[in-house]
Amino acid sequence: MIPTTFEYVRADTVEDAIRLLQQSNGEAKLLAGGHSLIPLLKFRLTAPGTLIDISKIGELQGIRQEGNRLVVGALTTHHQLHTSPLVRETIPVLADAARVIGDLQVRHRGTVGGNLAHADPAADLPGVALALDAMLEVQSEDGKELLELDGFFLGPLVTALPETSLVTSVSFLIPPSDAKSVYLKYAHPASGYAVVGVCAVVGTDPDGTINHARIGINGVGDVAYRAISVEERLLGQRPSKELIQQAAAHAADEGDIGGDLFASEEYRRHLCRVYTERALEQILLPKGMA
């Protein structure tokens, strides 16, 4: 299909973008990489009066470390995230997840900030970001504020981002030095989107007791979520196949699990358990014990 008629303007600064959003009276959309927005325009699932192109705002680029957090500019592409030596050194699971997002074109054009602000429940990054205690830096006419990602996703393509604001950066908590992490997904054979994606970040004391556990799950419902019930059953315990099976059995407890023609709700609940168990076994059990 052909999109409806719209105006196109380019913002040169963050302040310029905010001003244009204010002038649009709620009728504008921000254009960054465009790989999520353009299909919606073509199918007329959205019909903004104005597209505000923010893709050339240099201050929204870059990756840096600040204390125990990795700060990623909102316009950083998935390819840049995957190939960054700093990301690979500090949070390798973030680089690994970026490598399996979409296809080559999407990874070179799609942006980290746009991915999270778009809130596609089948996207890979939301579950990983939740497992890494991500926070969004958001700027509006009133200045900057930090939003926790947990609670940011309200529904499919719906977030808590104020109307005249934009995401300027995303920061991820660098896991403890003894932590191991992995992102596993079962991809839809046609689209490559996650039917289920599980990110597990788990750390242990010198005696093997689990002292850090974060499990983020995406793809199975309206929003990505933290599997708190799994985390609680892992903390304070020593890894074993039995413990992992018992904990993974609760992987779907916090999720509002959905179904469609490809995968029913029951099947998606099953996938939650299976992929959580696989992820935990991969990082917690020596080879041969899994």
C-alpha atoms as a PDB file:
ATOM      1  CA  MET A   1       0.000   0.000   0.000  1.00  0.00           C
ATOM      2  CA  ILE A   2       0.922   3.670  -0.256  1.00  0.00           C
ATOM      3  CA  PRO A   3       1.195   5.853   2.894  1.00  0.00           C
ATOM      4  CA  THR A   4      -1.082   8.806   3.426  1.00  0.00           C
ATOM      5  CA  THR A   5       0.253  12.296   2.706  1.00  0.00           C
ATOM      6  CA  PHE A   6       2.554  13.777   5.352  1.00  0.00           C
ATOM      7  CA  GLU A   7       5.008  16.622   5.831  1.00  0.00           C
ATOM      8  CA  TYR A   8       8.723  15.851   6.202  1.00  0.00           C
ATOM      9  CA  VAL A   9      11.124  17.949   8.289  1.00  0.00           C
ATOM     10  CA  ARG A  10      14.645  17.307   9.541  1.00  0.00           C
ATOM     11  CA  ALA A  11      15.719  18.213  13.066  1.00  0.00           C
ATOM     12  CA  ASP A  12      19.330  19.311  13.532  1.00  0.00           C
ATOM     13  CA  THR A  13      19.370  19.170  17.347  1.00  0.00           C
ATOM     14  CA  VAL A  14      17.435  17.508  20.164  1.00  0.00           C
ATOM     15  CA  GLU A  15      15.925  20.880  21.080  1.00  0.00           C
ATOM     16  CA  ASP A  16      14.838  21.341  17.463  1.00  0.00           C
ATOM     17  CA  ALA A  17      13.130  17.934  17.485  1.00  0.00           C
ATOM     18  CA  ILE A  18      11.282  18.750  20.719  1.00  0.00           C
ATOM     19  CA  ARG A  19      10.116  22.085  19.314  1.00  0.00           C
ATOM     20  CA  LEU A  20       8.799  20.378  16.186  1.00  0.00           C
ATOM     21  CA  LEU A  21       6.989  17.786  18.305  1.00  0.00           C
ATOM     22  CA  GLN A  22       5.318  20.568  20.289  1.00  0.00           C
ATOM     23  CA  GLN A  23       4.227  22.340  17.116  1.00  0.00           C
ATOM     24  CA  SER A  24       2.673  19.159  15.698  1.00  0.00           C
ATOM     25  CA  ASN A  25      -0.090  18.927  18.323  1.00  0.00           C
ATOM     26  CA  GLY A  26       0.382  15.193  18.647  1.00  0.00           C
ATOM     27  CA  GLU A  27       0.312  14.569  14.888  1.00  0.00           C
ATOM     28  CA  ALA A  28       4.027  13.828  14.356  1.00  0.00           C
ATOM     29  CA  LYS A  29       6.238  10.737  14.406  1.00  0.00           C
ATOM     30  CA  LEU A  30      10.000  10.617  14.871  1.00  0.00           C
ATOM     31  CA  LEU A  31      11.986   8.977  12.091  1.00  0.00           C
ATOM     32  CA  ALA A  32      15.308   7.386  13.071  1.00  0.00           C
ATOM     33  CA  GLY A  33      16.244   4.165  11.273  1.00  0.00           C
ATOM     34  CA  GLY A  34      12.735   3.821   9.845  1.00  0.00           C
ATOM     35  CA  HIS A  35      12.606   0.035   9.531  1.00  0.00           C
ATOM     36  CA  SER A  36       9.741  -0.219  12.033  1.00  0.00           C
ATOM     37  CA  LEU A  37       7.903   2.976  11.138  1.00  0.00           C
ATOM     38  CA  ILE A  38       7.861   2.688   7.343  1.00  0.00           C
ATOM     39  CA  PRO A  39       5.969  -0.644   7.232  1.00  0.00           C
ATOM     40  CA  LEU A  40       3.341   0.861   9.560  1.00  0.00           C
ATOM     41  CA  LEU A  41       3.037   3.831   7.207  1.00  0.00           C
ATOM     42  CA  LYS A  42       2.636   1.589   4.168  1.00  0.00           C
ATOM     43  CA  PHE A  43      -0.084  -0.476   5.821  1.00  0.00           C
ATOM     44  CA  ARG A  44      -1.681   2.751   7.090  1.00  0.00           C
ATOM     45  CA  LEU A  45      -1.561   1.481  10.647  1.00  0.00           C
ATOM     46  CA  THR A  46      -0.272   4.955  11.475  1.00  0.00           C
ATOM     47  CA  ALA A  47      -0.883   8.185   9.595  1.00  0.00           C
ATOM     48  CA  PRO A  48       1.139  11.051  11.088  1.00  0.00           C
ATOM     49  CA  GLY A  49       0.767  14.552   9.759  1.00  0.00           C
ATOM     50  CA  THR A  50       4.521  15.113   9.988  1.00  0.00           C
ATOM     51  CA  LEU A  51       7.633  12.950  10.000  1.00  0.00           C
ATOM     52  CA  ILE A  52      10.458  14.492  12.016  1.00  0.00           C
ATOM     53  CA  ASP A  53      13.780  13.061  10.845  1.00  0.00           C
ATOM     54  CA  ILE A  54      16.239  12.871  13.772  1.00  0.00           C
ATOM     55  CA  SER A  55      18.730  10.557  12.066  1.00  0.00           C
ATOM     56  CA  LYS A  56      21.443  13.224  11.664  1.00  0.00           C
ATOM     57  CA  ILE A  57      21.555  14.478  15.267  1.00  0.00           C
ATOM     58  CA  GLY A  58      25.145  13.726  16.193  1.00  0.00           C
ATOM     59  CA  GLU A  59      24.693  14.053  19.968  1.00  0.00           C
ATOM     60  CA  LEU A  60      22.472  10.950  19.938  1.00  0.00           C
ATOM     61  CA  GLN A  61      25.331   8.739  18.727  1.00  0.00           C
ATOM     62  CA  GLY A  62      28.078   6.928  20.597  1.00  0.00           C
ATOM     63  CA  ILE A  63      28.834   4.323  23.252  1.00  0.00           C
ATOM     64  CA  ARG A  64      30.635   5.056  26.515  1.00  0.00           C
ATOM     65  CA  GLN A  65      31.081   3.637  30.009  1.00  0.00           C
ATOM     66  CA  GLU A  66      29.985   5.636  33.048  1.00  0.00           C
ATOM     67  CA  GLY A  67      30.763   3.839  36.293  1.00  0.00           C
ATOM     68  CA  ASN A  68      28.961   0.494  36.319  1.00  0.00           C
ATOM     69  CA  ARG A  69      26.717   1.350  33.387  1.00  0.00           C
ATOM     70  CA  LEU A  70      27.197   1.322  29.617  1.00  0.00           C
ATOM     71  CA  VAL A  71      25.564   4.349  27.987  1.00  0.00           C
ATOM     72  CA  VAL A  72      24.432   3.926  24.383  1.00  0.00           C
ATOM     73  CA  GLY A  73      23.239   6.878  22.302  1.00  0.00           C
ATOM     74  CA  ALA A  74      19.688   6.471  21.023  1.00  0.00           C
ATOM     75  CA  LEU A  75      20.776   6.599  17.363  1.00  0.00           C
ATOM     76  CA  THR A  76      23.451   3.931  17.783  1.00  0.00           C
ATOM     77  CA  THR A  77      22.681   1.161  15.291  1.00  0.00           C
ATOM     78  CA  HIS A  78      22.431  -2.527  16.089  1.00  0.00           C
ATOM     79  CA  HIS A  79      25.492  -3.110  13.903  1.00  0.00           C
ATOM     80  CA  GLN A  80      27.498  -0.590  15.916  1.00  0.00           C
ATOM     81  CA  LEU A  81      26.330  -2.264  19.116  1.00  0.00           C
ATOM     82  CA  HIS A  82      27.340  -5.700  17.844  1.00  0.00           C
ATOM     83  CA  THR A  83      30.778  -4.618  16.604  1.00  0.00           C
ATOM     84  CA  SER A  84      31.749  -2.319  19.488  1.00  0.00           C
ATOM     85  CA  PRO A  85      34.851  -3.566  21.374  1.00  0.00           C
ATOM     86  CA  LEU A  86      33.582  -1.781  24.510  1.00  0.00           C
ATOM     87  CA  VAL A  87      30.230  -3.575  24.391  1.00  0.00           C
ATOM     88  CA  ARG A  88      31.936  -6.898  23.720  1.00  0.00           C
ATOM     89  CA  GLU A  89      34.242  -6.357  26.691  1.00  0.00           C
ATOM     90  CA  THR A  90      31.671  -5.157  29.228  1.00  0.00           C
ATOM     91  CA  ILE A  91      28.327  -6.737  28.221  1.00  0.00           C
ATOM     92  CA  PRO A  92      28.954  -9.446  25.604  1.00  0.00           C
ATOM     93  CA  VAL A  93      25.330 -10.649  25.670  1.00  0.00           C
ATOM     94  CA  LEU A  94      24.235  -7.221  24.406  1.00  0.00           C
ATOM     95  CA  ALA A  95      26.541  -7.570  21.408  1.00  0.00           C
ATOM     96  CA  ASP A  96      25.361 -11.143  20.823  1.00  0.00           C
ATOM     97  CA  ALA A  97      21.703 -10.101  20.868  1.00  0.00           C
ATOM     98  CA  ALA A  98      22.320  -7.218  18.458  1.00  0.00           C
ATOM     99  CA  ARG A  99      23.825  -9.718  16.008  1.00  0.00           C
ATOM    100  CA  VAL A 100      20.506 -11.621  15.651  1.00  0.00           C
ATOM    101  CA  ILE A 101      18.201  -8.605  15.269  1.00  0.00           C
ATOM    102  CA  GLY A 102      16.460  -8.560  11.892  1.00  0.00           C
ATOM    103  CA  ASP A 103      18.663  -8.840   8.826  1.00  0.00           C
ATOM    104  CA  LEU A 104      21.765  -7.040   7.588  1.00  0.00           C
ATOM    105  CA  GLN A 105      19.862  -3.972   6.388  1.00  0.00           C
ATOM    106  CA  VAL A 106      17.915  -3.664   9.644  1.00  0.00           C
ATOM    107  CA  ARG A 107      21.060  -3.984  11.760  1.00  0.00           C
ATOM    108  CA  HIS A 108      22.808  -1.230   9.799  1.00  0.00           C
ATOM    109  CA  ARG A 109      19.863   1.186   9.906  1.00  0.00           C
ATOM    110  CA  GLY A 110      17.811   0.243  12.962  1.00  0.00           C
ATOM    111  CA  THR A 111      18.628   2.117  16.177  1.00  0.00           C
ATOM    112  CA  VAL A 112      18.731   1.116  19.831  1.00  0.00           C
ATOM    113  CA  GLY A 113      16.539   3.990  20.979  1.00  0.00           C
ATOM    114  CA  GLY A 114      14.039   3.483  18.174  1.00  0.00           C
ATOM    115  CA  ASN A 115      13.827  -0.245  18.891  1.00  0.00           C
ATOM    116  CA  LEU A 116      12.895   0.280  22.536  1.00  0.00           C
ATOM    117  CA  ALA A 117      10.622   3.279  21.917  1.00  0.00           C
ATOM    118  CA  HIS A 118       8.754   1.290  19.248  1.00  0.00           C
ATOM    119  CA  ALA A 119       7.863  -1.373  21.863  1.00  0.00           C
ATOM    120  CA  ASP A 120       7.372  -4.280  19.479  1.00  0.00           C
ATOM    121  CA  PRO A 121       6.767  -7.253  21.811  1.00  0.00           C
ATOM    122  CA  ALA A 122       8.509  -9.625  19.367  1.00  0.00           C
ATOM    123  CA  ALA A 123      11.671  -7.521  19.134  1.00  0.00           C
ATOM    124  CA  ASP A 124      14.872  -8.970  20.618  1.00  0.00           C
ATOM    125  CA  LEU A 125      16.249  -5.989  22.493  1.00  0.00           C
ATOM    126  CA  PRO A 126      13.495  -5.381  25.113  1.00  0.00           C
ATOM    127  CA  GLY A 127      14.018  -8.679  26.950  1.00  0.00           C
ATOM    128  CA  VAL A 128      17.790  -8.237  26.946  1.00  0.00           C
ATOM    129  CA  ALA A 129      17.473  -4.651  28.149  1.00  0.00           C
ATOM    130  CA  LEU A 130      15.207  -5.699  31.024  1.00  0.00           C
ATOM    131  CA  ALA A 131      17.710  -8.353  32.106  1.00  0.00           C
ATOM    132  CA  LEU A 132      20.377  -5.622  32.122  1.00  0.00           C
ATOM    133  CA  ASP A 133      18.304  -3.199  34.256  1.00  0.00           C
ATOM    134  CA  ALA A 134      18.223  -0.669  31.421  1.00  0.00           C
ATOM    135  CA  MET A 135      17.281   2.953  31.958  1.00  0.00           C
ATOM    136  CA  LEU A 136      16.195   5.478  29.343  1.00  0.00           C
ATOM    137  CA  GLU A 137      17.342   9.077  29.309  1.00  0.00           C
ATOM    138  CA  VAL A 138      14.420  11.074  27.976  1.00  0.00           C
ATOM    139  CA  GLN A 139      14.436  14.763  27.080  1.00  0.00           C
ATOM    140  CA  SER A 140      11.471  17.108  26.788  1.00  0.00           C
ATOM    141  CA  GLU A 141      10.895  20.849  26.982  1.00  0.00           C
ATOM    142  CA  ASP A 142      11.239  20.502  30.776  1.00  0.00           C
ATOM    143  CA  GLY A 143      14.713  18.967  30.560  1.00  0.00           C
ATOM    144  CA  LYS A 144      16.093  15.462  30.998  1.00  0.00           C
ATOM    145  CA  GLU A 145      14.816  12.615  33.151  1.00  0.00           C
ATOM    146  CA  LEU A 146      15.609   8.943  33.633  1.00  0.00           C
ATOM    147  CA  LEU A 147      12.945   6.267  33.149  1.00  0.00           C
ATOM    148  CA  GLU A 148      13.343   2.667  34.241  1.00  0.00           C
ATOM    149  CA  LEU A 149      12.662   0.284  31.387  1.00  0.00           C
ATOM    150  CA  ASP A 150      10.748  -2.006  33.745  1.00  0.00           C
ATOM    151  CA  GLY A 151       7.262  -0.502  33.470  1.00  0.00           C
ATOM    152  CA  PHE A 152       8.042   1.505  30.321  1.00  0.00           C
ATOM    153  CA  PHE A 153       6.266  -0.949  27.994  1.00  0.00           C
ATOM    154  CA  LEU A 154       2.492  -0.579  28.373  1.00  0.00           C
ATOM    155  CA  GLY A 155       1.312  -2.695  25.453  1.00  0.00           C
ATOM    156  CA  PRO A 156       2.097  -3.533  21.816  1.00  0.00           C
ATOM    157  CA  LEU A 157       3.670  -0.368  20.345  1.00  0.00           C
ATOM    158  CA  VAL A 158       2.612   1.612  23.460  1.00  0.00           C
ATOM    159  CA  THR A 159       5.032   3.063  26.001  1.00  0.00           C
ATOM    160  CA  ALA A 160       5.177   5.545  28.871  1.00  0.00           C
ATOM    161  CA  LEU A 161       7.209   7.995  26.735  1.00  0.00           C
ATOM    162  CA  PRO A 162       5.649  11.485  27.007  1.00  0.00           C
ATOM    163  CA  GLU A 163       4.226  12.789  23.730  1.00  0.00           C
ATOM    164  CA  THR A 164       6.672  15.646  23.184  1.00  0.00           C
ATOM    165  CA  SER A 165       9.755  13.769  24.395  1.00  0.00           C
ATOM    166  CA  LEU A 166      12.402  11.644  22.764  1.00  0.00           C
ATOM    167  CA  VAL A 167      14.842   9.037  24.013  1.00  0.00           C
ATOM    168  CA  THR A 168      18.386  10.423  23.962  1.00  0.00           C
ATOM    169  CA  SER A 169      20.284   7.430  25.344  1.00  0.00           C
ATOM    170  CA  VAL A 170      19.887   4.014  26.936  1.00  0.00           C
ATOM    171  CA  SER A 171      22.108   2.821  29.769  1.00  0.00           C
ATOM    172  CA  PHE A 172      22.648  -0.826  30.665  1.00  0.00           C
ATOM    173  CA  LEU A 173      23.923  -2.147  33.995  1.00  0.00           C
ATOM    174  CA  ILE A 174      27.251  -3.913  33.544  1.00  0.00           C
ATOM    175  CA  PRO A 175      26.833  -7.343  35.174  1.00  0.00           C
ATOM    176  CA  PRO A 176      29.142  -8.439  38.009  1.00  0.00           C
ATOM    177  CA  SER A 177      32.524  -9.696  36.826  1.00  0.00           C
ATOM    178  CA  ASP A 178      31.655 -13.264  37.835  1.00  0.00           C
ATOM    179  CA  ALA A 179      28.346 -13.268  35.952  1.00  0.00           C
ATOM    180  CA  LYS A 180      27.655 -15.210  32.784  1.00  0.00           C
ATOM    181  CA  SER A 181      24.951 -14.369  30.285  1.00  0.00           C
ATOM    182  CA  VAL A 182      23.239 -15.593  27.137  1.00  0.00           C
ATOM    183  CA  TYR A 183      20.367 -14.672  24.821  1.00  0.00           C
ATOM    184  CA  LEU A 184      18.485 -17.511  23.147  1.00  0.00           C
ATOM    185  CA  LYS A 185      15.514 -17.173  20.847  1.00  0.00           C
ATOM    186  CA  TYR A 186      13.208 -19.265  18.757  1.00  0.00           C
ATOM    187  CA  ALA A 187      12.768 -17.156  15.634  1.00  0.00           C
ATOM    188  CA  HIS A 188       9.653 -17.122  13.498  1.00  0.00           C
ATOM    189  CA  PRO A 189      10.690 -18.867  10.263  1.00  0.00           C
ATOM    190  CA  ALA A 190       9.172 -16.173   8.042  1.00  0.00           C
ATOM    191  CA  SER A 191       9.921 -12.909   9.837  1.00  0.00           C
ATOM    192  CA  GLY A 192      12.865 -13.738  12.080  1.00  0.00           C
ATOM    193  CA  TYR A 193      11.062 -12.064  14.995  1.00  0.00           C
ATOM    194  CA  ALA A 194      11.222 -13.823  18.345  1.00  0.00           C
ATOM    195  CA  VAL A 195       8.423 -16.270  19.036  1.00  0.00           C
ATOM    196  CA  VAL A 196      10.232 -16.434  22.353  1.00  0.00           C
ATOM    197  CA  GLY A 197      13.490 -14.822  23.403  1.00  0.00           C
ATOM    198  CA  VAL A 198      15.164 -15.382  26.774  1.00  0.00           C
ATOM    199  CA  CYS A 199      18.075 -13.389  28.171  1.00  0.00           C
ATOM    200  CA  ALA A 200      19.655 -14.838  31.320  1.00  0.00           C
ATOM    201  CA  VAL A 201      22.299 -13.023  33.364  1.00  0.00           C
ATOM    202  CA  VAL A 202      23.478 -15.002  36.405  1.00  0.00           C
ATOM    203  CA  GLY A 203      26.391 -14.522  38.810  1.00  0.00           C
ATOM    204  CA  THR A 204      27.739 -16.745  41.589  1.00  0.00           C
ATOM    205  CA  ASP A 205      29.839 -16.462  44.749  1.00  0.00           C
ATOM    206  CA  PRO A 206      33.201 -18.247  44.913  1.00  0.00           C
ATOM    207  CA  ASP A 207      31.445 -21.236  46.521  1.00  0.00           C
ATOM    208  CA  GLY A 208      28.991 -21.407  43.607  1.00  0.00           C
ATOM    209  CA  THR A 209      25.973 -19.842  45.329  1.00  0.00           C
ATOM    210  CA  ILE A 210      23.882 -17.742  42.943  1.00  0.00           C
ATOM    211  CA  ASN A 211      24.037 -14.084  44.017  1.00  0.00           C
ATOM    212  CA  HIS A 212      22.764 -12.305  40.900  1.00  0.00           C
ATOM    213  CA  ALA A 213      19.927 -13.377  38.603  1.00  0.00           C
ATOM    214  CA  ARG A 214      18.120 -11.441  35.888  1.00  0.00           C
ATOM    215  CA  ILE A 215      15.830 -13.121  33.360  1.00  0.00           C
ATOM    216  CA  GLY A 216      14.211 -11.073  30.561  1.00  0.00           C
ATOM    217  CA  ILE A 217      11.663 -12.636  28.213  1.00  0.00           C
ATOM    218  CA  ASN A 218      10.196 -11.216  24.996  1.00  0.00           C
ATOM    219  CA  GLY A 219       8.087 -12.436  22.093  1.00  0.00           C
ATOM    220  CA  VAL A 220       5.437 -14.377  23.976  1.00  0.00           C
ATOM    221  CA  GLY A 221       2.982 -11.658  24.958  1.00  0.00           C
ATOM    222  CA  ASP A 222       1.980  -8.027  24.612  1.00  0.00           C
ATOM    223  CA  VAL A 223       5.107  -6.762  26.392  1.00  0.00           C
ATOM    224  CA  ALA A 224       8.548  -8.057  27.341  1.00  0.00           C
ATOM    225  CA  TYR A 225       8.896  -8.824  31.052  1.00  0.00           C
ATOM    226  CA  ARG A 226      11.230  -9.827  33.871  1.00  0.00           C
ATOM    227  CA  ALA A 227      10.714 -13.413  35.042  1.00  0.00           C
ATOM    228  CA  ILE A 228      10.888 -12.485  38.732  1.00  0.00           C
ATOM    229  CA  SER A 229       9.620 -15.885  39.904  1.00  0.00           C
ATOM    230  CA  VAL A 230      12.531 -17.613  38.182  1.00  0.00           C
ATOM    231  CA  GLU A 231      15.036 -15.160  39.633  1.00  0.00           C
ATOM    232  CA  GLU A 232      13.733 -15.615  43.178  1.00  0.00           C
ATOM    233  CA  ARG A 233      14.056 -19.394  42.959  1.00  0.00           C
ATOM    234  CA  LEU A 234      17.661 -19.143  41.786  1.00  0.00           C
ATOM    235  CA  LEU A 235      19.026 -16.625  44.283  1.00  0.00           C
ATOM    236  CA  GLY A 236      20.849 -18.135  47.236  1.00  0.00           C
ATOM    237  CA  GLN A 237      20.928 -21.604  45.668  1.00  0.00           C
ATOM    238  CA  ARG A 238      23.715 -23.637  44.126  1.00  0.00           C
ATOM    239  CA  PRO A 239      23.235 -24.591  40.465  1.00  0.00           C
ATOM    240  CA  SER A 240      21.920 -28.036  39.611  1.00  0.00           C
ATOM    241  CA  LYS A 241      19.829 -29.494  36.840  1.00  0.00           C
ATOM    242  CA  GLU A 242      16.942 -29.980  39.274  1.00  0.00           C
ATOM    243  CA  LEU A 243      17.088 -26.357  40.483  1.00  0.00           C
ATOM    244  CA  ILE A 244      17.096 -25.052  36.907  1.00  0.00           C
ATOM    245  CA  GLN A 245      14.117 -27.208  35.942  1.00  0.00           C
ATOM    246  CA  GLN A 246      12.158 -26.094  39.008  1.00  0.00           C
ATOM    247  CA  ALA A 247      12.957 -22.419  38.424  1.00  0.00           C
ATOM    248  CA  ALA A 248      12.297 -22.511  34.663  1.00  0.00           C
ATOM    249  CA  ALA A 249       8.856 -24.002  35.306  1.00  0.00           C
ATOM    250  CA  HIS A 250       7.823 -20.500  36.446  1.00  0.00           C
ATOM    251  CA  ALA A 251       9.144 -18.642  33.384  1.00  0.00           C
ATOM    252  CA  ALA A 252       5.664 -17.672  32.183  1.00  0.00           C
ATOM    253  CA  ASP A 253       4.282 -16.622  35.584  1.00  0.00           C
ATOM    254  CA  GLU A 254       4.749 -12.860  35.118  1.00  0.00           C
ATOM    255  CA  GLY A 255       3.921 -12.758  31.416  1.00  0.00           C
ATOM    256  CA  ASP A 256       0.588 -11.938  29.793  1.00  0.00           C
ATOM    257  CA  ILE A 257       1.062 -14.746  27.293  1.00  0.00           C
ATOM    258  CA  GLY A 258      -0.742 -14.547  23.950  1.00  0.00           C
ATOM    259  CA  GLY A 259      -1.389 -16.813  21.011  1.00  0.00           C
ATOM    260  CA  ASP A 260      -1.791 -16.556  17.248  1.00  0.00           C
ATOM    261  CA  LEU A 261      -2.060 -18.752  14.167  1.00  0.00           C
ATOM    262  CA  PHE A 262       1.608 -19.727  14.399  1.00  0.00           C
ATOM    263  CA  ALA A 263       1.879 -20.471  18.129  1.00  0.00           C
ATOM    264  CA  SER A 264      -0.888 -20.938  20.665  1.00  0.00           C
ATOM    265  CA  GLU A 265      -0.767 -19.549  24.205  1.00  0.00           C
ATOM    266  CA  GLU A 266      -0.090 -23.036  25.557  1.00  0.00           C
ATOM    267  CA  TYR A 267       2.799 -23.539  23.137  1.00  0.00           C
ATOM    268  CA  ARG A 268       4.310 -20.157  23.995  1.00  0.00           C
ATOM    269  CA  ARG A 269       4.158 -20.977  27.712  1.00  0.00           C
ATOM    270  CA  HIS A 270       5.952 -24.208  26.917  1.00  0.00           C
ATOM    271  CA  LEU A 271       8.608 -22.321  24.924  1.00  0.00           C
ATOM    272  CA  CYS A 272       9.153 -19.941  27.854  1.00  0.00           C
ATOM    273  CA  ARG A 273       9.991 -22.842  30.119  1.00  0.00           C
ATOM    274  CA  VAL A 274      12.116 -24.694  27.566  1.00  0.00           C
ATOM    275  CA  TYR A 275      14.219 -21.713  26.484  1.00  0.00           C
ATOM    276  CA  THR A 276      14.685 -20.449  30.039  1.00  0.00           C
ATOM    277  CA  GLU A 277      15.893 -23.892  31.045  1.00  0.00           C
ATOM    278  CA  ARG A 278      18.276 -24.040  28.073  1.00  0.00           C
ATOM    279  CA  ALA A 279      19.658 -20.582  28.781  1.00  0.00           C
ATOM    280  CA  LEU A 280      20.284 -21.345  32.455  1.00  0.00           C
ATOM    281  CA  GLU A 281      21.862 -24.705  31.705  1.00  0.00           C
ATOM    282  CA  GLN A 282      24.190 -23.103  29.177  1.00  0.00           C
ATOM    283  CA  ILE A 283      25.619 -20.594  31.656  1.00  0.00           C
ATOM    284  CA  LEU A 284      25.346 -22.505  34.946  1.00  0.00           C
ATOM    285  CA  LEU A 285      26.125 -26.159  34.254  1.00  0.00           C
ATOM    286  CA  PRO A 286      29.468 -27.526  33.050  1.00  0.00           C
ATOM    287  CA  LYS A 287      29.334 -29.282  29.719  1.00  0.00           C
ATOM    288  CA  GLY A 288      28.144 -32.832  30.182  1.00  0.00           C
ATOM    289  CA  MET A 289      25.846 -31.969  33.103  1.00  0.00           C
ATOM    290  CA  ALA A 290      23.140 -30.206  31.073  1.00  0.00           C
END
